[in-house]
PDB file of N, CA and C in Angstrom:
ATOM      1  N   UNK A   1      -7.131   6.168   6.832  1.00  0.00           N
ATOM      2  CA  UNK A   1      -6.445   5.430   5.787  1.00  0.00           C
ATOM      3  C   UNK A   1      -7.181   4.118   5.560  1.00  0.00           C
ATOM      4  N   UNK A   2      -7.165   3.693   4.357  1.00  0.00           N
ATOM      5  CA  UNK A   2      -7.766   2.410   3.996  1.00  0.00           C
ATOM      6  C   UNK A   2      -6.997   1.293   4.698  1.00  0.00           C
ATOM      7  N   UNK A   3      -7.693   0.405   5.349  1.00  0.00           N
ATOM      8  CA  UNK A   3      -7.020  -0.661   6.096  1.00  0.00           C
ATOM      9  C   UNK A   3      -6.267  -1.629   5.206  1.00  0.00           C
ATOM     10  N   UNK A   4      -6.620  -1.687   3.929  1.00  0.00           N
ATOM     11  CA  UNK A   4      -5.944  -2.604   3.018  1.00  0.00           C
ATOM     12  C   UNK A   4      -4.586  -2.091   2.559  1.00  0.00           C
ATOM     13  N   UNK A   5      -4.319  -0.810   2.769  1.00  0.00           N
ATOM     14  CA  UNK A   5      -3.041  -0.244   2.352  1.00  0.00           C
ATOM     15  C   UNK A   5      -2.079  -0.362   3.527  1.00  0.00           C
ATOM     16  N   UNK A   6      -0.978  -1.029   3.292  1.00  0.00           N
ATOM     17  CA  UNK A   6       0.016  -1.269   4.343  1.00  0.00           C
ATOM     18  C   UNK A   6       1.209  -0.350   4.159  1.00  0.00           C
ATOM     19  N   UNK A   7       1.893  -0.018   5.260  1.00  0.00           N
ATOM     20  CA  UNK A   7       3.134   0.764   5.134  1.00  0.00           C
ATOM     21  C   UNK A   7       4.140  -0.003   4.268  1.00  0.00           C
ATOM     22  N   UNK A   8       4.867   0.717   3.446  1.00  0.00           N
ATOM     23  CA  UNK A   8       5.812   0.095   2.529  1.00  0.00           C
ATOM     24  C   UNK A   8       7.250   0.520   2.790  1.00  0.00           C
ATOM     25  N   UNK A   9       7.457   1.503   3.634  1.00  0.00           N
ATOM     26  CA  UNK A   9       8.788   2.055   3.842  1.00  0.00           C
ATOM     27  C   UNK A   9       9.501   1.406   5.028  1.00  0.00           C
ATOM     28  N   UNK A  10      10.805   1.282   4.884  1.00  0.00           N
ATOM     29  CA  UNK A  10      11.714   0.824   5.941  1.00  0.00           C
ATOM     30  C   UNK A  10      11.451  -0.621   6.368  1.00  0.00           C
ATOM     31  N   UNK A  11      11.299  -1.484   5.397  1.00  0.00           N
ATOM     32  CA  UNK A  11      11.160  -2.909   5.664  1.00  0.00           C
ATOM     33  C   UNK A  11      12.319  -3.663   5.031  1.00  0.00           C
ATOM     34  N   UNK A  12      12.653  -4.774   5.621  1.00  0.00           N
ATOM     35  CA  UNK A  12      13.661  -5.664   5.066  1.00  0.00           C
ATOM     36  C   UNK A  12      12.998  -7.011   4.853  1.00  0.00           C
ATOM     37  N   UNK A  13      12.882  -7.500   3.659  1.00  0.00           N
ATOM     38  CA  UNK A  13      13.325  -6.924   2.393  1.00  0.00           C
ATOM     39  C   UNK A  13      12.428  -5.752   2.002  1.00  0.00           C
ATOM     40  N   UNK A  14      12.911  -4.890   1.095  1.00  0.00           N
ATOM     41  CA  UNK A  14      12.128  -3.723   0.671  1.00  0.00           C
ATOM     42  C   UNK A  14      10.815  -4.129  -0.002  1.00  0.00           C
ATOM     43  N   UNK A  15       9.915  -3.168  -0.094  1.00  0.00           N
ATOM     44  CA  UNK A  15       8.623  -3.418  -0.734  1.00  0.00           C
ATOM     45  C   UNK A  15       8.825  -3.901  -2.165  1.00  0.00           C
ATOM     46  N   UNK A  16       8.020  -4.863  -2.550  1.00  0.00           N
ATOM     47  CA  UNK A  16       8.101  -5.402  -3.904  1.00  0.00           C
ATOM     48  C   UNK A  16       7.238  -4.567  -4.846  1.00  0.00           C
ATOM     49  N   UNK A  17       7.429  -4.769  -6.119  1.00  0.00           N
ATOM     50  CA  UNK A  17       6.612  -4.093  -7.122  1.00  0.00           C
ATOM     51  C   UNK A  17       5.137  -4.476  -6.948  1.00  0.00           C
ATOM     52  N   UNK A  18       4.873  -5.724  -6.597  1.00  0.00           N
ATOM     53  CA  UNK A  18       3.491  -6.179  -6.394  1.00  0.00           C
ATOM     54  C   UNK A  18       2.842  -5.455  -5.213  1.00  0.00           C
ATOM     55  N   UNK A  19       3.601  -5.265  -4.125  1.00  0.00           N
ATOM     56  CA  UNK A  19       3.062  -4.560  -2.960  1.00  0.00           C
ATOM     57  C   UNK A  19       2.777  -3.097  -3.291  1.00  0.00           C
ATOM     58  N   UNK A  20       3.674  -2.473  -4.035  1.00  0.00           N
ATOM     59  CA  UNK A  20       3.477  -1.076  -4.428  1.00  0.00           C
ATOM     60  C   UNK A  20       2.242  -0.957  -5.317  1.00  0.00           C
ATOM     61  N   UNK A  21       2.117  -1.852  -6.270  1.00  0.00           N
ATOM     62  CA  UNK A  21       0.968  -1.816  -7.188  1.00  0.00           C
ATOM     63  C   UNK A  21      -0.342  -2.092  -6.440  1.00  0.00           C
ATOM     64  N   UNK A  22      -0.327  -3.024  -5.506  1.00  0.00           N
ATOM     65  CA  UNK A  22      -1.537  -3.328  -4.729  1.00  0.00           C
ATOM     66  C   UNK A  22      -1.965  -2.122  -3.899  1.00  0.00           C
ATOM     67  N   UNK A  23      -1.008  -1.424  -3.300  1.00  0.00           N
ATOM     68  CA  UNK A  23      -1.331  -0.226  -2.525  1.00  0.00           C
ATOM     69  C   UNK A  23      -1.902   0.862  -3.434  1.00  0.00           C
ATOM     70  N   UNK A  24      -1.314   1.019  -4.622  1.00  0.00           N
ATOM     71  CA  UNK A  24      -1.808   2.018  -5.571  1.00  0.00           C
ATOM     72  C   UNK A  24      -3.237   1.684  -6.003  1.00  0.00           C
ATOM     73  N   UNK A  25      -3.487   0.415  -6.279  1.00  0.00           N
ATOM     74  CA  UNK A  25      -4.825  -0.007  -6.679  1.00  0.00           C
ATOM     75  C   UNK A  25      -5.843   0.278  -5.577  1.00  0.00           C
ATOM     76  N   UNK A  26      -5.500  -0.044  -4.339  1.00  0.00           N
ATOM     77  CA  UNK A  26      -6.411   0.213  -3.221  1.00  0.00           C
ATOM     78  C   UNK A  26      -6.682   1.706  -3.060  1.00  0.00           C
ATOM     79  N   UNK A  27      -5.636   2.513  -3.233  1.00  0.00           N
ATOM     80  CA  UNK A  27      -5.801   3.958  -3.112  1.00  0.00           C
ATOM     81  C   UNK A  27      -6.755   4.473  -4.188  1.00  0.00           C
ATOM     82  N   UNK A  28      -6.543   4.073  -5.426  1.00  0.00           N
ATOM     83  CA  UNK A  28      -7.399   4.527  -6.525  1.00  0.00           C
ATOM     84  C   UNK A  28      -8.835   4.026  -6.330  1.00  0.00           C
ATOM     85  N   UNK A  29      -9.004   2.812  -5.866  1.00  0.00           N
ATOM     86  CA  UNK A  29     -10.347   2.299  -5.579  1.00  0.00           C
ATOM     87  C   UNK A  29     -11.039   3.155  -4.529  1.00  0.00           C
ATOM     88  N   UNK A  30     -10.294   3.497  -3.483  1.00  0.00           N
ATOM     89  CA  UNK A  30     -10.870   4.285  -2.392  1.00  0.00           C
ATOM     90  C   UNK A  30     -11.259   5.676  -2.873  1.00  0.00           C
ATOM     91  N   UNK A  31     -10.351   6.328  -3.588  1.00  0.00           N
ATOM     92  CA  UNK A  31     -10.599   7.688  -4.055  1.00  0.00           C
ATOM     93  C   UNK A  31     -11.734   7.729  -5.070  1.00  0.00           C
ATOM     94  N   UNK A  32     -11.777   6.744  -5.974  1.00  0.00           N
ATOM     95  CA  UNK A  32     -12.799   6.743  -7.023  1.00  0.00           C
ATOM     96  C   UNK A  32     -14.151   6.249  -6.513  1.00  0.00           C
ATOM     97  N   UNK A  33     -14.133   5.508  -5.408  1.00  0.00           N
ATOM     98  CA  UNK A  33     -15.377   4.954  -4.890  1.00  0.00           C
ATOM     99  C   UNK A  33     -15.850   3.750  -5.675  1.00  0.00           C
ATOM    100  N   UNK A  34     -14.938   3.154  -6.452  1.00  0.00           N
ATOM    101  CA  UNK A  34     -15.312   2.031  -7.302  1.00  0.00           C
ATOM    102  C   UNK A  34     -14.229   0.966  -7.271  1.00  0.00           C
ATOM    103  N   UNK A  35     -14.614  -0.259  -7.013  1.00  0.00           N
ATOM    104  CA  UNK A  35     -13.617  -1.327  -7.028  1.00  0.00           C
ATOM    105  C   UNK A  35     -13.378  -1.843  -8.436  1.00  0.00           C
ATOM    106  N   UNK A  36     -14.383  -1.690  -9.301  1.00  0.00           N
ATOM    107  CA  UNK A  36     -14.249  -2.078 -10.706  1.00  0.00           C
ATOM    108  C   UNK A  36     -14.844  -0.950 -11.538  1.00  0.00           C
ATOM    109  N   UNK A  37     -14.014  -0.239 -12.275  1.00  0.00           N
ATOM    110  CA  UNK A  37     -14.533   0.889 -13.054  1.00  0.00           C
ATOM    111  C   UNK A  37     -15.375   0.409 -14.238  1.00  0.00           C
ATOM    112  N   UNK A  38     -16.243   1.272 -14.687  1.00  0.00           N
ATOM    113  CA  UNK A  38     -17.020   0.965 -15.889  1.00  0.00           C
ATOM    114  C   UNK A  38     -16.079   0.928 -17.081  1.00  0.00           C
ATOM    115  N   UNK A  39     -16.567   0.401 -18.172  1.00  0.00           N
ATOM    116  CA  UNK A  39     -15.748   0.320 -19.374  1.00  0.00           C
ATOM    117  C   UNK A  39     -15.308   1.719 -19.821  1.00  0.00           C
ATOM    118  N   UNK A  40     -16.190   2.688 -19.656  1.00  0.00           N
ATOM    119  CA  UNK A  40     -15.883   4.059 -20.056  1.00  0.00           C
ATOM    120  C   UNK A  40     -14.763   4.656 -19.204  1.00  0.00           C
ATOM    121  N   UNK A  41     -14.615   4.185 -17.965  1.00  0.00           N
ATOM    122  CA  UNK A  41     -13.607   4.738 -17.056  1.00  0.00           C
ATOM    123  C   UNK A  41     -12.389   3.844 -16.870  1.00  0.00           C
ATOM    124  N   UNK A  42     -12.352   2.709 -17.541  1.00  0.00           N
ATOM    125  CA  UNK A  42     -11.277   1.733 -17.323  1.00  0.00           C
ATOM    126  C   UNK A  42      -9.902   2.300 -17.644  1.00  0.00           C
ATOM    127  N   UNK A  43      -9.765   3.032 -18.728  1.00  0.00           N
ATOM    128  CA  UNK A  43      -8.461   3.580 -19.111  1.00  0.00           C
ATOM    129  C   UNK A  43      -7.982   4.616 -18.086  1.00  0.00           C
ATOM    130  N   UNK A  44      -8.881   5.489 -17.642  1.00  0.00           N
ATOM    131  CA  UNK A  44      -8.516   6.503 -16.646  1.00  0.00           C
ATOM    132  C   UNK A  44      -8.130   5.836 -15.329  1.00  0.00           C
ATOM    133  N   UNK A  45      -8.858   4.796 -14.958  1.00  0.00           N
ATOM    134  CA  UNK A  45      -8.594   4.059 -13.723  1.00  0.00           C
ATOM    135  C   UNK A  45      -7.208   3.408 -13.786  1.00  0.00           C
ATOM    136  N   UNK A  46      -6.919   2.723 -14.890  1.00  0.00           N
ATOM    137  CA  UNK A  46      -5.617   2.057 -15.056  1.00  0.00           C
ATOM    138  C   UNK A  46      -4.477   3.066 -15.069  1.00  0.00           C
ATOM    139  N   UNK A  47      -4.688   4.194 -15.739  1.00  0.00           N
ATOM    140  CA  UNK A  47      -3.665   5.237 -15.777  1.00  0.00           C
ATOM    141  C   UNK A  47      -3.403   5.793 -14.373  1.00  0.00           C
ATOM    142  N   UNK A  48      -4.469   5.983 -13.600  1.00  0.00           N
ATOM    143  CA  UNK A  48      -4.318   6.485 -12.234  1.00  0.00           C
ATOM    144  C   UNK A  48      -3.531   5.496 -11.374  1.00  0.00           C
ATOM    145  N   UNK A  49      -3.816   4.211 -11.520  1.00  0.00           N
ATOM    146  CA  UNK A  49      -3.074   3.191 -10.760  1.00  0.00           C
ATOM    147  C   UNK A  49      -1.594   3.251 -11.122  1.00  0.00           C
ATOM    148  N   UNK A  50      -1.295   3.352 -12.415  1.00  0.00           N
ATOM    149  CA  UNK A  50       0.106   3.441 -12.857  1.00  0.00           C
ATOM    150  C   UNK A  50       0.793   4.674 -12.274  1.00  0.00           C
ATOM    151  N   UNK A  51       0.117   5.815 -12.292  1.00  0.00           N
ATOM    152  CA  UNK A  51       0.705   7.056 -11.799  1.00  0.00           C
ATOM    153  C   UNK A  51       0.916   7.029 -10.288  1.00  0.00           C
ATOM    154  N   UNK A  52      -0.052   6.487  -9.562  1.00  0.00           N
ATOM    155  CA  UNK A  52       0.092   6.390  -8.106  1.00  0.00           C
ATOM    156  C   UNK A  52       1.204   5.408  -7.750  1.00  0.00           C
ATOM    157  N   UNK A  53       1.297   4.302  -8.472  1.00  0.00           N
ATOM    158  CA  UNK A  53       2.367   3.327  -8.222  1.00  0.00           C
ATOM    159  C   UNK A  53       3.728   3.963  -8.459  1.00  0.00           C
ATOM    160  N   UNK A  54       3.867   4.730  -9.534  1.00  0.00           N
ATOM    161  CA  UNK A  54       5.139   5.396  -9.824  1.00  0.00           C
ATOM    162  C   UNK A  54       5.480   6.419  -8.742  1.00  0.00           C
ATOM    163  N   UNK A  55       4.502   7.202  -8.321  1.00  0.00           N
ATOM    164  CA  UNK A  55       4.738   8.187  -7.258  1.00  0.00           C
ATOM    165  C   UNK A  55       5.133   7.485  -5.954  1.00  0.00           C
ATOM    166  N   UNK A  56       4.485   6.368  -5.666  1.00  0.00           N
ATOM    167  CA  UNK A  56       4.807   5.600  -4.456  1.00  0.00           C
ATOM    168  C   UNK A  56       6.225   5.047  -4.532  1.00  0.00           C
ATOM    169  N   UNK A  57       6.583   4.510  -5.675  1.00  0.00           N
ATOM    170  CA  UNK A  57       7.933   3.986  -5.879  1.00  0.00           C
ATOM    171  C   UNK A  57       8.981   5.072  -5.648  1.00  0.00           C
ATOM    172  N   UNK A  58       8.753   6.248  -6.228  1.00  0.00           N
ATOM    173  CA  UNK A  58       9.697   7.361  -6.044  1.00  0.00           C
ATOM    174  C   UNK A  58       9.774   7.791  -4.587  1.00  0.00           C
ATOM    175  N   UNK A  59       8.625   7.871  -3.935  1.00  0.00           N
ATOM    176  CA  UNK A  59       8.599   8.280  -2.531  1.00  0.00           C
ATOM    177  C   UNK A  59       9.361   7.299  -1.656  1.00  0.00           C
ATOM    178  N   UNK A  60       9.033   6.027  -1.763  1.00  0.00           N
ATOM    179  CA  UNK A  60       9.660   5.013  -0.914  1.00  0.00           C
ATOM    180  C   UNK A  60      11.175   4.962  -1.143  1.00  0.00           C
ATOM    181  N   UNK A  61      11.590   5.122  -2.383  1.00  0.00           N
ATOM    182  CA  UNK A  61      13.032   5.053  -2.665  1.00  0.00           C
ATOM    183  C   UNK A  61      13.779   6.310  -2.227  1.00  0.00           C
ATOM    184  N   UNK A  62      13.073   7.418  -2.031  1.00  0.00           N
ATOM    185  CA  UNK A  62      13.757   8.651  -1.652  1.00  0.00           C
ATOM    186  C   UNK A  62      13.738   8.928  -0.147  1.00  0.00           C
ATOM    187  N   UNK A  63      12.946   8.192   0.617  1.00  0.00           N
ATOM    188  CA  UNK A  63      12.877   8.402   2.062  1.00  0.00           C
ATOM    189  C   UNK A  63      14.113   7.834   2.757  1.00  0.00           C
ATOM    190  N   UNK A  64      14.482   8.446   3.872  1.00  0.00           N
ATOM    191  CA  UNK A  64      15.609   7.987   4.679  1.00  0.00           C
ATOM    192  C   UNK A  64      15.115   7.643   6.075  1.00  0.00           C
ATOM    193  N   UNK A  65      15.498   6.483   6.558  1.00  0.00           N
ATOM    194  CA  UNK A  65      15.055   6.011   7.871  1.00  0.00           C
ATOM    195  C   UNK A  65      16.089   6.326   8.940  1.00  0.00           C
ATOM    196  N   UNK A  66      15.604   6.712  10.097  1.00  0.00           N
ATOM    197  CA  UNK A  66      16.488   6.968  11.232  1.00  0.00           C
ATOM    198  C   UNK A  66      16.799   5.671  11.972  1.00  0.00           C
ATOM    199  N   UNK A  67      15.858   4.735  11.926  1.00  0.00           N
ATOM    200  CA  UNK A  67      16.039   3.485  12.656  1.00  0.00           C
ATOM    201  C   UNK A  67      16.324   2.330  11.722  1.00  0.00           C
ATOM    202  N   UNK A  68      16.541   1.166  12.314  1.00  0.00           N
ATOM    203  CA  UNK A  68      16.816  -0.025  11.505  1.00  0.00           C
ATOM    204  C   UNK A  68      15.553  -0.474  10.766  1.00  0.00           C
ATOM    205  N   UNK A  69      15.711  -1.213   9.665  1.00  0.00           N
ATOM    206  CA  UNK A  69      14.542  -1.717   8.936  1.00  0.00           C
ATOM    207  C   UNK A  69      13.695  -2.626   9.814  1.00  0.00           C
ATOM    208  N   UNK A  70      12.391  -2.565   9.602  1.00  0.00           N
ATOM    209  CA  UNK A  70      11.466  -3.406  10.357  1.00  0.00           C
ATOM    210  C   UNK A  70      11.335  -4.761   9.681  1.00  0.00           C
ATOM    211  N   UNK A  71      10.995  -5.744  10.474  1.00  0.00           N
ATOM    212  CA  UNK A  71      10.778  -7.103   9.978  1.00  0.00           C
ATOM    213  C   UNK A  71       9.288  -7.289   9.704  1.00  0.00           C
ATOM    214  N   UNK A  72       8.945  -7.786   8.544  1.00  0.00           N
ATOM    215  CA  UNK A  72       7.542  -7.937   8.145  1.00  0.00           C
ATOM    216  C   UNK A  72       6.773  -8.882   9.068  1.00  0.00           C
ATOM    217  N   UNK A  73       7.399  -9.982   9.447  1.00  0.00           N
ATOM    218  CA  UNK A  73       6.709 -10.950  10.310  1.00  0.00           C
ATOM    219  C   UNK A  73       6.436 -10.367  11.690  1.00  0.00           C
ATOM    220  N   UNK A  74       7.380  -9.636  12.234  1.00  0.00           N
ATOM    221  CA  UNK A  74       7.195  -9.001  13.544  1.00  0.00           C
ATOM    222  C   UNK A  74       6.064  -7.984  13.485  1.00  0.00           C
ATOM    223  N   UNK A  75       6.055  -7.163  12.448  1.00  0.00           N
ATOM    224  CA  UNK A  75       4.994  -6.157  12.290  1.00  0.00           C
ATOM    225  C   UNK A  75       3.641  -6.817  12.090  1.00  0.00           C
ATOM    226  N   UNK A  76       3.587  -7.913  11.345  1.00  0.00           N
ATOM    227  CA  UNK A  76       2.326  -8.632  11.130  1.00  0.00           C
ATOM    228  C   UNK A  76       1.817  -9.219  12.447  1.00  0.00           C
ATOM    229  N   UNK A  77       2.719  -9.743  13.253  1.00  0.00           N
ATOM    230  CA  UNK A  77       2.327 -10.294  14.558  1.00  0.00           C
ATOM    231  C   UNK A  77       1.777  -9.195  15.466  1.00  0.00           C
ATOM    232  N   UNK A  78       2.398  -8.033  15.445  1.00  0.00           N
ATOM    233  CA  UNK A  78       1.900  -6.898  16.245  1.00  0.00           C
ATOM    234  C   UNK A  78       0.502  -6.497  15.784  1.00  0.00           C
ATOM    235  N   UNK A  79       0.283  -6.464  14.474  1.00  0.00           N
ATOM    236  CA  UNK A  79      -1.027  -6.094  13.934  1.00  0.00           C
ATOM    237  C   UNK A  79      -2.089  -7.118  14.326  1.00  0.00           C
ATOM    238  N   UNK A  80      -1.740  -8.397  14.282  1.00  0.00           N
ATOM    239  CA  UNK A  80      -2.694  -9.440  14.691  1.00  0.00           C
ATOM    240  C   UNK A  80      -3.053  -9.291  16.167  1.00  0.00           C
ATOM    241  N   UNK A  81      -2.067  -8.974  16.987  1.00  0.00           N
ATOM    242  CA  UNK A  81      -2.322  -8.797  18.424  1.00  0.00           C
ATOM    243  C   UNK A  81      -3.219  -7.577  18.665  1.00  0.00           C
ATOM    244  N   UNK A  82      -2.970  -6.474  17.973  1.00  0.00           N
ATOM    245  CA  UNK A  82      -3.826  -5.291  18.108  1.00  0.00           C
ATOM    246  C   UNK A  82      -5.240  -5.630  17.693  1.00  0.00           C
ATOM    247  N   UNK A  83      -5.396  -6.378  16.606  1.00  0.00           N
ATOM    248  CA  UNK A  83      -6.714  -6.765  16.130  1.00  0.00           C
ATOM    249  C   UNK A  83      -7.409  -7.673  17.136  1.00  0.00           C
ATOM    250  N   UNK A  84      -6.650  -8.606  17.703  1.00  0.00           N
ATOM    251  CA  UNK A  84      -7.233  -9.524  18.701  1.00  0.00           C
ATOM    252  C   UNK A  84      -7.728  -8.741  19.912  1.00  0.00           C
ATOM    253  N   UNK A  85      -6.939  -7.767  20.363  1.00  0.00           N
ATOM    254  CA  UNK A  85      -7.342  -6.963  21.524  1.00  0.00           C
ATOM    255  C   UNK A  85      -8.540  -6.090  21.204  1.00  0.00           C
ATOM    256  N   UNK A  86      -8.594  -5.600  19.985  1.00  0.00           N
ATOM    257  CA  UNK A  86      -9.679  -4.703  19.606  1.00  0.00           C
ATOM    258  C   UNK A  86     -10.976  -5.447  19.352  1.00  0.00           C
ATOM    259  N   UNK A  87     -10.900  -6.588  18.674  1.00  0.00           N
ATOM    260  CA  UNK A  87     -12.110  -7.295  18.263  1.00  0.00           C
ATOM    261  C   UNK A  87     -12.374  -8.587  19.016  1.00  0.00           C
ATOM    262  N   UNK A  88     -11.408  -9.009  19.820  1.00  0.00           N
ATOM    263  CA  UNK A  88     -11.607 -10.202  20.624  1.00  0.00           C
ATOM    264  C   UNK A  88     -11.412 -11.502  19.978  1.00  0.00           C
TER     265      UNK A  88
END
Protein backbone atom coordinates (compact mmCIF):
# COMPACT_ATOMS: atom_id res chain seq x y z
CA UNK A 1 0.00 0.00 0.00
CA UNK A 2 1.12 3.52 -0.66
CA UNK A 3 2.47 4.98 2.57
CA UNK A 4 0.67 8.26 1.93
CA UNK A 5 -2.74 6.61 2.10
CA UNK A 6 -3.96 6.38 5.68
CA UNK A 7 -6.74 4.22 7.12
CA UNK A 8 -10.00 6.16 7.16
CA UNK A 9 -12.39 3.78 8.91
CA UNK A 10 -13.38 3.68 12.58
CA UNK A 11 -11.93 6.98 13.72
CA UNK A 12 -13.44 9.61 15.97
CA UNK A 13 -14.09 12.11 14.49
CA UNK A 14 -14.92 10.34 11.20
CA UNK A 15 -12.83 10.86 8.09
CA UNK A 16 -13.35 14.23 6.48
CA UNK A 17 -14.10 14.86 2.83
CA UNK A 18 -10.56 16.26 2.46
CA UNK A 19 -9.02 13.05 3.86
CA UNK A 20 -11.14 10.90 1.55
CA UNK A 21 -10.21 13.02 -1.47
CA UNK A 22 -6.50 12.99 -0.55
CA UNK A 23 -6.53 9.19 -0.28
CA UNK A 24 -8.31 8.93 -3.65
CA UNK A 25 -5.77 11.26 -5.25
CA UNK A 26 -2.85 9.23 -3.88
CA UNK A 27 -4.43 6.01 -5.11
CA UNK A 28 -4.96 7.37 -8.63
CA UNK A 29 -1.41 8.76 -8.69
CA UNK A 30 -0.03 5.38 -7.67
CA UNK A 31 -2.10 3.40 -10.16
CA UNK A 32 -1.46 5.80 -13.05
CA UNK A 33 2.23 6.19 -12.28
CA UNK A 34 1.89 9.95 -12.61
CA UNK A 35 1.65 12.62 -9.96
CA UNK A 36 0.60 15.23 -12.53
CA UNK A 37 -1.21 13.99 -15.62
CA UNK A 38 -0.59 15.46 -19.03
CA UNK A 39 -3.14 17.86 -20.42
CA UNK A 40 -4.49 15.07 -22.62
CA UNK A 41 -5.09 12.87 -19.54
CA UNK A 42 -6.22 15.54 -17.06
CA UNK A 43 -9.96 14.92 -17.48
CA UNK A 44 -9.59 11.13 -17.11
CA UNK A 45 -7.36 11.63 -14.06
CA UNK A 46 -9.84 14.01 -12.38
CA UNK A 47 -12.75 11.70 -13.16
CA UNK A 48 -10.87 8.75 -11.65
CA UNK A 49 -10.16 10.73 -8.47
CA UNK A 50 -13.87 11.62 -8.19
CA UNK A 51 -14.94 8.00 -8.71
CA UNK A 52 -12.43 6.59 -6.23
CA UNK A 53 -13.42 9.22 -3.65
CA UNK A 54 -17.10 8.31 -4.07
CA UNK A 55 -16.36 4.58 -3.77
CA UNK A 56 -14.26 5.26 -0.66
CA UNK A 57 -17.03 7.37 0.87
CA UNK A 58 -19.57 4.59 0.28
CA UNK A 59 -17.24 1.94 1.67
CA UNK A 60 -16.32 3.83 4.83
CA UNK A 61 -19.95 4.71 5.55
CA UNK A 62 -21.14 1.12 5.07
CA UNK A 63 -18.53 -0.65 7.23
CA UNK A 64 -19.36 -1.72 10.79
CA UNK A 65 -16.75 -1.76 13.54
CA UNK A 66 -16.57 -4.38 16.26
CA UNK A 67 -14.45 -2.20 18.52
CA UNK A 68 -14.58 1.38 19.72
CA UNK A 69 -13.46 4.20 17.40
CA UNK A 70 -9.74 4.88 17.35
CA UNK A 71 -8.24 8.21 18.33
CA UNK A 72 -6.24 9.92 15.57
CA UNK A 73 -3.58 11.31 17.92
CA UNK A 74 -2.99 7.93 19.56
CA UNK A 75 -2.67 6.22 16.18
CA UNK A 76 -0.30 8.95 14.94
CA UNK A 77 1.88 8.51 18.03
CA UNK A 78 2.02 4.75 17.45
CA UNK A 79 3.04 5.33 13.82
CA UNK A 80 5.79 7.76 14.86
CA UNK A 81 7.12 5.21 17.36
CA UNK A 82 7.13 2.43 14.73
CA UNK A 83 8.97 4.76 12.35
CA UNK A 84 11.49 5.71 15.05
CA UNK A 85 12.18 2.04 15.80
CA UNK A 86 12.47 1.17 12.13
CA UNK A 87 14.59 4.10 10.95
CA UNK A 88 16.21 5.29 14.15
